[in-house]
Amino acid sequence: MAPESALAKLASRVVKCRLCPRLVRFRETVPPRRALESQSYWRRPVPGFGDPNAKLVVIGLAPAAHGGNRTGRVFTGDQSGRFLVSALFEAGYASQPVSESRGDGLLYNDCYVTAAVKCAPPHDRPTAREFENCGRWLDSELRLLSNARVVLALGRSAFEAYLGYADRRGAATRGMAFGHGRKYSLGSLPAVYASYHPSPRNTNTGKLTRRMLVSLLERIRGETGQP
């Protein structure tokens, strides 16, 4: 089966998932923000999105309650998504600098974006069991993205989720510690680069600047030989 068809089939399974009662309850009942009350929220798991033949896979933590949980697309309709997609556009990985809705025309070029946990968690904090439950979906995505050469993990939790996948595939991950800009090779699996997460708490304080993220993306592009 072609990667595009296989990923579409996987996405149809992901959106039906109800493995985590706490996440199901939260995603289905979180009240809309006042400015968004007229909109219909997605309120289901959010599969990955992007180029099925991508060399770069970007992994975040989870959909935002009023971002992906509202729009149905990862890193879409919230401040983190705006920051990330603007940087991806500048580095040549996105067709446009905005990510507001599933119908906004955004396409990724040689890039696929997903999350370690597919449902919006309360306070942006999935439990260890929720990470474990969702690991089956992340593993399946990564296996289907057979052209991937690099993973960019946004934040410590995404970094650890990818190392968990690498462990399950038999790669040696001992001693790999999170730090912005760090790169680790994982044998036959895609290498991992770490970045601070583009959350408002990081971008508003200057812990992660646009230049930092764009520079890291440009470094990845150069090291993978992407035009």
C-alpha atoms as a PDB file:
ATOM      1  CA  MET A   1       0.000   0.000   0.000  1.00  0.00           C
ATOM      2  CA  ALA A   2       1.308   3.492  -0.902  1.00  0.00           C
ATOM      3  CA  PRO A   3       2.312   5.641   2.093  1.00  0.00           C
ATOM      4  CA  GLU A   4      -0.474   8.154   1.393  1.00  0.00           C
ATOM      5  CA  SER A   5      -3.182   5.453   1.362  1.00  0.00           C
ATOM      6  CA  ALA A   6      -1.733   3.708   4.396  1.00  0.00           C
ATOM      7  CA  LEU A   7      -1.572   6.957   6.386  1.00  0.00           C
ATOM      8  CA  ALA A   8      -5.153   7.814   5.420  1.00  0.00           C
ATOM      9  CA  LYS A   9      -6.284   4.376   6.595  1.00  0.00           C
ATOM     10  CA  LEU A  10      -4.381   4.861   9.855  1.00  0.00           C
ATOM     11  CA  ALA A  11      -5.950   8.308  10.362  1.00  0.00           C
ATOM     12  CA  SER A  12      -9.426   6.805  10.021  1.00  0.00           C
ATOM     13  CA  ARG A  13      -8.562   4.465  12.909  1.00  0.00           C
ATOM     14  CA  VAL A  14      -6.934   7.180  15.033  1.00  0.00           C
ATOM     15  CA  VAL A  15      -9.985   9.471  15.004  1.00  0.00           C
ATOM     16  CA  LYS A  16     -12.155   6.660  16.434  1.00  0.00           C
ATOM     17  CA  CYS A  17      -9.857   5.970  19.393  1.00  0.00           C
ATOM     18  CA  ARG A  18     -11.381   6.053  22.890  1.00  0.00           C
ATOM     19  CA  LEU A  19      -8.636   4.275  24.847  1.00  0.00           C
ATOM     20  CA  CYS A  20      -8.112   7.029  27.434  1.00  0.00           C
ATOM     21  CA  PRO A  21     -11.291   7.930  29.389  1.00  0.00           C
ATOM     22  CA  ARG A  22      -9.826  11.117  30.875  1.00  0.00           C
ATOM     23  CA  LEU A  23      -8.797  12.446  27.444  1.00  0.00           C
ATOM     24  CA  VAL A  24     -12.116  11.475  25.850  1.00  0.00           C
ATOM     25  CA  ARG A  25     -14.019  13.280  28.596  1.00  0.00           C
ATOM     26  CA  PHE A  26     -11.872  16.409  28.356  1.00  0.00           C
ATOM     27  CA  ARG A  27     -11.811  16.733  24.570  1.00  0.00           C
ATOM     28  CA  GLU A  28     -15.571  16.272  24.339  1.00  0.00           C
ATOM     29  CA  THR A  29     -16.563  18.666  27.139  1.00  0.00           C
ATOM     30  CA  VAL A  30     -13.980  21.475  27.229  1.00  0.00           C
ATOM     31  CA  PRO A  31     -16.017  24.716  26.923  1.00  0.00           C
ATOM     32  CA  PRO A  32     -15.301  26.815  23.825  1.00  0.00           C
ATOM     33  CA  ARG A  33     -13.602  30.133  24.384  1.00  0.00           C
ATOM     34  CA  ARG A  34     -16.024  33.040  24.174  1.00  0.00           C
ATOM     35  CA  ALA A  35     -14.588  34.241  20.868  1.00  0.00           C
ATOM     36  CA  LEU A  36     -14.993  30.736  19.408  1.00  0.00           C
ATOM     37  CA  GLU A  37     -18.490  29.891  20.665  1.00  0.00           C
ATOM     38  CA  SER A  38     -19.970  30.003  17.154  1.00  0.00           C
ATOM     39  CA  GLN A  39     -17.569  27.344  15.893  1.00  0.00           C
ATOM     40  CA  SER A  40     -18.113  23.601  15.928  1.00  0.00           C
ATOM     41  CA  TYR A  41     -15.246  21.834  17.713  1.00  0.00           C
ATOM     42  CA  TRP A  42     -13.675  18.680  16.225  1.00  0.00           C
ATOM     43  CA  ARG A  43     -13.455  16.970  19.673  1.00  0.00           C
ATOM     44  CA  ARG A  44     -11.786  13.785  18.396  1.00  0.00           C
ATOM     45  CA  PRO A  45      -8.210  12.506  18.220  1.00  0.00           C
ATOM     46  CA  VAL A  46      -6.088  14.471  15.745  1.00  0.00           C
ATOM     47  CA  PRO A  47      -3.951  12.445  13.303  1.00  0.00           C
ATOM     48  CA  GLY A  48      -0.756  13.702  11.706  1.00  0.00           C
ATOM     49  CA  PHE A  49      -0.745  15.817   8.575  1.00  0.00           C
ATOM     50  CA  GLY A  50       1.713  16.419   5.771  1.00  0.00           C
ATOM     51  CA  ASP A  51       3.770  14.890   2.995  1.00  0.00           C
ATOM     52  CA  PRO A  52       3.625  11.056   3.174  1.00  0.00           C
ATOM     53  CA  ASN A  53       7.081  10.896   1.530  1.00  0.00           C
ATOM     54  CA  ALA A  54       8.629  13.443   3.899  1.00  0.00           C
ATOM     55  CA  LYS A  55      12.245  13.318   4.984  1.00  0.00           C
ATOM     56  CA  LEU A  56      11.450  15.495   8.030  1.00  0.00           C
ATOM     57  CA  VAL A  57       8.936  14.450  10.686  1.00  0.00           C
ATOM     58  CA  VAL A  58       8.005  17.028  13.337  1.00  0.00           C
ATOM     59  CA  ILE A  59       6.592  15.655  16.591  1.00  0.00           C
ATOM     60  CA  GLY A  60       4.818  17.846  19.133  1.00  0.00           C
ATOM     61  CA  LEU A  61       3.212  16.995  22.462  1.00  0.00           C
ATOM     62  CA  ALA A  62      -0.557  16.943  21.812  1.00  0.00           C
ATOM     63  CA  PRO A  63      -3.339  18.978  20.169  1.00  0.00           C
ATOM     64  CA  ALA A  64      -4.294  22.191  21.953  1.00  0.00           C
ATOM     65  CA  ALA A  65      -7.761  22.288  23.519  1.00  0.00           C
ATOM     66  CA  HIS A  66      -8.778  25.249  21.355  1.00  0.00           C
ATOM     67  CA  GLY A  67      -6.356  24.534  18.500  1.00  0.00           C
ATOM     68  CA  GLY A  68      -6.245  21.023  17.045  1.00  0.00           C
ATOM     69  CA  ASN A  69      -9.147  19.881  19.233  1.00  0.00           C
ATOM     70  CA  ARG A  70     -11.219  22.620  17.596  1.00  0.00           C
ATOM     71  CA  THR A  71      -9.914  22.545  14.022  1.00  0.00           C
ATOM     72  CA  GLY A  72      -9.138  18.842  13.589  1.00  0.00           C
ATOM     73  CA  ARG A  73      -5.589  19.447  12.353  1.00  0.00           C
ATOM     74  CA  VAL A  74      -2.417  19.336  14.409  1.00  0.00           C
ATOM     75  CA  PHE A  75      -0.754  22.711  15.168  1.00  0.00           C
ATOM     76  CA  THR A  76      -3.670  24.613  13.630  1.00  0.00           C
ATOM     77  CA  GLY A  77      -5.663  27.523  15.017  1.00  0.00           C
ATOM     78  CA  ASP A  78      -3.569  28.306  18.084  1.00  0.00           C
ATOM     79  CA  GLN A  79      -0.508  30.372  18.962  1.00  0.00           C
ATOM     80  CA  SER A  80       1.902  27.425  18.959  1.00  0.00           C
ATOM     81  CA  GLY A  81       0.751  26.422  15.497  1.00  0.00           C
ATOM     82  CA  ARG A  82       1.123  29.937  14.143  1.00  0.00           C
ATOM     83  CA  PHE A  83       4.688  30.136  15.445  1.00  0.00           C
ATOM     84  CA  LEU A  84       5.667  26.700  14.120  1.00  0.00           C
ATOM     85  CA  VAL A  85       4.114  27.012  10.673  1.00  0.00           C
ATOM     86  CA  SER A  86       5.542  30.476  10.136  1.00  0.00           C
ATOM     87  CA  ALA A  87       9.008  29.053  10.856  1.00  0.00           C
ATOM     88  CA  LEU A  88       8.398  26.029   8.616  1.00  0.00           C
ATOM     89  CA  PHE A  89       7.365  28.401   5.825  1.00  0.00           C
ATOM     90  CA  GLU A  90      10.510  30.493   6.182  1.00  0.00           C
ATOM     91  CA  ALA A  91      12.643  27.335   6.086  1.00  0.00           C
ATOM     92  CA  GLY A  92      10.868  26.094   2.942  1.00  0.00           C
ATOM     93  CA  TYR A  93       8.806  23.297   4.470  1.00  0.00           C
ATOM     94  CA  ALA A  94       5.336  24.888   4.283  1.00  0.00           C
ATOM     95  CA  SER A  95       3.377  26.402   1.393  1.00  0.00           C
ATOM     96  CA  GLN A  96       2.163  29.344   3.478  1.00  0.00           C
ATOM     97  CA  PRO A  97       2.955  30.973   6.829  1.00  0.00           C
ATOM     98  CA  VAL A  98      -0.514  30.500   8.371  1.00  0.00           C
ATOM     99  CA  SER A  99      -2.320  27.497   9.841  1.00  0.00           C
ATOM    100  CA  GLU A 100      -5.826  28.431  10.906  1.00  0.00           C
ATOM    101  CA  SER A 101      -8.215  25.754   9.599  1.00  0.00           C
ATOM    102  CA  ARG A 102      -8.267  22.477   7.699  1.00  0.00           C
ATOM    103  CA  GLY A 103      -9.533  24.346   4.646  1.00  0.00           C
ATOM    104  CA  ASP A 104      -6.896  27.081   4.580  1.00  0.00           C
ATOM    105  CA  GLY A 105      -4.830  25.492   1.781  1.00  0.00           C
ATOM    106  CA  LEU A 106      -1.737  24.693   3.852  1.00  0.00           C
ATOM    107  CA  LEU A 107       0.555  22.022   2.406  1.00  0.00           C
ATOM    108  CA  TYR A 108       3.840  20.741   3.783  1.00  0.00           C
ATOM    109  CA  ASN A 109       6.814  20.191   1.488  1.00  0.00           C
ATOM    110  CA  ASP A 110       8.935  17.154   2.435  1.00  0.00           C
ATOM    111  CA  CYS A 111       7.604  17.500   5.993  1.00  0.00           C
ATOM    112  CA  TYR A 112       5.050  15.638   8.097  1.00  0.00           C
ATOM    113  CA  VAL A 113       3.731  17.025  11.401  1.00  0.00           C
ATOM    114  CA  THR A 114       2.216  14.932  14.177  1.00  0.00           C
ATOM    115  CA  ALA A 115       1.957  14.668  17.976  1.00  0.00           C
ATOM    116  CA  ALA A 116       2.977  12.095  20.566  1.00  0.00           C
ATOM    117  CA  VAL A 117      -0.536  12.140  22.047  1.00  0.00           C
ATOM    118  CA  LYS A 118      -3.487  12.518  19.662  1.00  0.00           C
ATOM    119  CA  CYS A 119      -6.051  14.025  22.061  1.00  0.00           C
ATOM    120  CA  ALA A 120      -5.969  17.351  23.877  1.00  0.00           C
ATOM    121  CA  PRO A 121      -5.034  16.707  27.542  1.00  0.00           C
ATOM    122  CA  PRO A 122      -6.105  18.796  30.551  1.00  0.00           C
ATOM    123  CA  HIS A 123      -3.470  21.419  31.376  1.00  0.00           C
ATOM    124  CA  ASP A 124      -1.359  20.094  28.431  1.00  0.00           C
ATOM    125  CA  ARG A 125      -0.210  17.208  30.623  1.00  0.00           C
ATOM    126  CA  PRO A 126      -0.873  13.653  29.424  1.00  0.00           C
ATOM    127  CA  THR A 127      -0.286  10.910  31.956  1.00  0.00           C
ATOM    128  CA  ALA A 128       2.306   8.172  31.501  1.00  0.00           C
ATOM    129  CA  ARG A 129      -0.496   5.709  30.690  1.00  0.00           C
ATOM    130  CA  GLU A 130      -1.901   8.072  28.060  1.00  0.00           C
ATOM    131  CA  PHE A 131       1.520   8.362  26.425  1.00  0.00           C
ATOM    132  CA  GLU A 132       1.735   4.564  26.478  1.00  0.00           C
ATOM    133  CA  ASN A 133      -1.723   4.112  24.956  1.00  0.00           C
ATOM    134  CA  CYS A 134      -1.011   6.602  22.188  1.00  0.00           C
ATOM    135  CA  GLY A 135       2.394   5.098  21.478  1.00  0.00           C
ATOM    136  CA  ARG A 136       0.731   2.557  19.179  1.00  0.00           C
ATOM    137  CA  TRP A 137      -0.456   5.351  16.867  1.00  0.00           C
ATOM    138  CA  LEU A 138       2.872   7.187  16.840  1.00  0.00           C
ATOM    139  CA  ASP A 139       4.719   3.919  16.172  1.00  0.00           C
ATOM    140  CA  SER A 140       2.406   3.168  13.252  1.00  0.00           C
ATOM    141  CA  GLU A 141       2.855   6.635  11.753  1.00  0.00           C
ATOM    142  CA  LEU A 142       6.623   6.489  12.004  1.00  0.00           C
ATOM    143  CA  ARG A 143       6.773   3.028  10.453  1.00  0.00           C
ATOM    144  CA  LEU A 144       4.671   4.212   7.501  1.00  0.00           C
ATOM    145  CA  LEU A 145       6.839   7.310   6.955  1.00  0.00           C
ATOM    146  CA  SER A 146       9.504   5.173   5.353  1.00  0.00           C
ATOM    147  CA  ASN A 147      11.367   8.054   3.652  1.00  0.00           C
ATOM    148  CA  ALA A 148      11.923   9.913   6.931  1.00  0.00           C
ATOM    149  CA  ARG A 149      15.548  10.690   7.709  1.00  0.00           C
ATOM    150  CA  VAL A 150      15.129  13.186  10.553  1.00  0.00           C
ATOM    151  CA  VAL A 151      12.718  13.719  13.449  1.00  0.00           C
ATOM    152  CA  LEU A 152      12.424  17.151  15.053  1.00  0.00           C
ATOM    153  CA  ALA A 153      11.045  16.684  18.573  1.00  0.00           C
ATOM    154  CA  LEU A 154       9.361  19.786  19.981  1.00  0.00           C
ATOM    155  CA  GLY A 155       9.825  19.694  23.726  1.00  0.00           C
ATOM    156  CA  ARG A 156      11.108  17.135  26.203  1.00  0.00           C
ATOM    157  CA  SER A 157       7.958  14.986  26.148  1.00  0.00           C
ATOM    158  CA  ALA A 158       7.993  14.613  22.364  1.00  0.00           C
ATOM    159  CA  PHE A 159      11.731  13.876  22.511  1.00  0.00           C
ATOM    160  CA  GLU A 160      11.157  11.122  25.081  1.00  0.00           C
ATOM    161  CA  ALA A 161       8.225   9.750  23.079  1.00  0.00           C
ATOM    162  CA  TYR A 162      10.441   9.360  20.029  1.00  0.00           C
ATOM    163  CA  LEU A 163      13.196   7.732  22.070  1.00  0.00           C
ATOM    164  CA  GLY A 164      10.535   5.321  23.350  1.00  0.00           C
ATOM    165  CA  TYR A 165       9.760   4.398  19.748  1.00  0.00           C
ATOM    166  CA  ALA A 166      13.471   3.970  19.053  1.00  0.00           C
ATOM    167  CA  ASP A 167      13.798   1.723  22.130  1.00  0.00           C
ATOM    168  CA  ARG A 168      10.948  -0.448  20.885  1.00  0.00           C
ATOM    169  CA  ARG A 169      12.743  -0.737  17.542  1.00  0.00           C
ATOM    170  CA  GLY A 170      15.922  -1.902  19.263  1.00  0.00           C
ATOM    171  CA  ALA A 171      17.986   1.299  18.949  1.00  0.00           C
ATOM    172  CA  ALA A 172      20.460   2.324  21.646  1.00  0.00           C
ATOM    173  CA  THR A 173      19.223   5.508  23.331  1.00  0.00           C
ATOM    174  CA  ARG A 174      21.062   5.493  26.650  1.00  0.00           C
ATOM    175  CA  GLY A 175      22.545   8.846  27.609  1.00  0.00           C
ATOM    176  CA  MET A 176      20.496  10.873  25.142  1.00  0.00           C
ATOM    177  CA  ALA A 177      19.410  13.991  27.021  1.00  0.00           C
ATOM    178  CA  PHE A 178      17.063  16.714  25.834  1.00  0.00           C
ATOM    179  CA  GLY A 179      18.526  20.088  24.933  1.00  0.00           C
ATOM    180  CA  HIS A 180      17.632  22.610  22.272  1.00  0.00           C
ATOM    181  CA  GLY A 181      19.658  22.025  19.117  1.00  0.00           C
ATOM    182  CA  ARG A 182      21.021  18.652  20.159  1.00  0.00           C
ATOM    183  CA  LYS A 183      21.169  15.897  17.545  1.00  0.00           C
ATOM    184  CA  TYR A 184      21.431  12.150  18.102  1.00  0.00           C
ATOM    185  CA  SER A 185      21.910   9.400  15.536  1.00  0.00           C
ATOM    186  CA  LEU A 186      19.891   6.221  15.989  1.00  0.00           C
ATOM    187  CA  GLY A 187      21.417   3.756  13.569  1.00  0.00           C
ATOM    188  CA  SER A 188      18.990   2.821  10.809  1.00  0.00           C
ATOM    189  CA  LEU A 189      16.193   4.962  12.311  1.00  0.00           C
ATOM    190  CA  PRO A 190      15.773   8.680  11.592  1.00  0.00           C
ATOM    191  CA  ALA A 191      18.124  10.863  13.628  1.00  0.00           C
ATOM    192  CA  VAL A 192      16.473  13.075  16.227  1.00  0.00           C
ATOM    193  CA  TYR A 193      16.946  16.806  16.741  1.00  0.00           C
ATOM    194  CA  ALA A 194      15.553  18.441  19.873  1.00  0.00           C
ATOM    195  CA  SER A 195      13.904  21.857  20.116  1.00  0.00           C
ATOM    196  CA  TYR A 196      12.064  23.759  22.780  1.00  0.00           C
ATOM    197  CA  HIS A 197       8.330  23.538  22.195  1.00  0.00           C
ATOM    198  CA  PRO A 198       6.814  26.611  20.466  1.00  0.00           C
ATOM    199  CA  SER A 199       4.326  27.148  23.297  1.00  0.00           C
ATOM    200  CA  PRO A 200       3.486  30.703  24.357  1.00  0.00           C
ATOM    201  CA  ARG A 201       5.293  30.143  27.669  1.00  0.00           C
ATOM    202  CA  ASN A 202       8.499  29.601  25.675  1.00  0.00           C
ATOM    203  CA  THR A 203       8.008  32.038  22.798  1.00  0.00           C
ATOM    204  CA  ASN A 204       6.628  34.917  24.874  1.00  0.00           C
ATOM    205  CA  THR A 205       9.574  34.729  27.271  1.00  0.00           C
ATOM    206  CA  GLY A 206      12.238  34.421  24.566  1.00  0.00           C
ATOM    207  CA  LYS A 207      13.272  30.913  25.587  1.00  0.00           C
ATOM    208  CA  LEU A 208      12.502  29.956  21.988  1.00  0.00           C
ATOM    209  CA  THR A 209      12.781  32.682  19.381  1.00  0.00           C
ATOM    210  CA  ARG A 210      11.734  32.524  15.760  1.00  0.00           C
ATOM    211  CA  ARG A 211      15.383  32.778  14.705  1.00  0.00           C
ATOM    212  CA  MET A 212      16.307  29.826  16.919  1.00  0.00           C
ATOM    213  CA  LEU A 213      13.671  27.581  15.362  1.00  0.00           C
ATOM    214  CA  VAL A 214      14.261  28.725  11.785  1.00  0.00           C
ATOM    215  CA  SER A 215      18.014  28.245  12.196  1.00  0.00           C
ATOM    216  CA  LEU A 216      17.473  24.705  13.458  1.00  0.00           C
ATOM    217  CA  LEU A 217      15.160  23.915  10.537  1.00  0.00           C
ATOM    218  CA  GLU A 218      17.685  25.341   8.082  1.00  0.00           C
ATOM    219  CA  ARG A 219      20.407  23.240   9.696  1.00  0.00           C
ATOM    220  CA  ILE A 220      18.230  20.134   9.269  1.00  0.00           C
ATOM    221  CA  ARG A 221      17.583  21.009   5.630  1.00  0.00           C
ATOM    222  CA  GLY A 222      21.301  21.432   4.976  1.00  0.00           C
ATOM    223  CA  GLU A 223      22.325  18.237   6.744  1.00  0.00           C
ATOM    224  CA  THR A 224      19.707  16.132   4.943  1.00  0.00           C
ATOM    225  CA  GLY A 225      20.524  17.590   1.543  1.00  0.00           C
ATOM    226  CA  GLN A 226      16.998  18.844   0.970  1.00  0.00           C
ATOM    227  CA  PRO A 227      16.840  21.478  -1.818  1.00  0.00           C
END
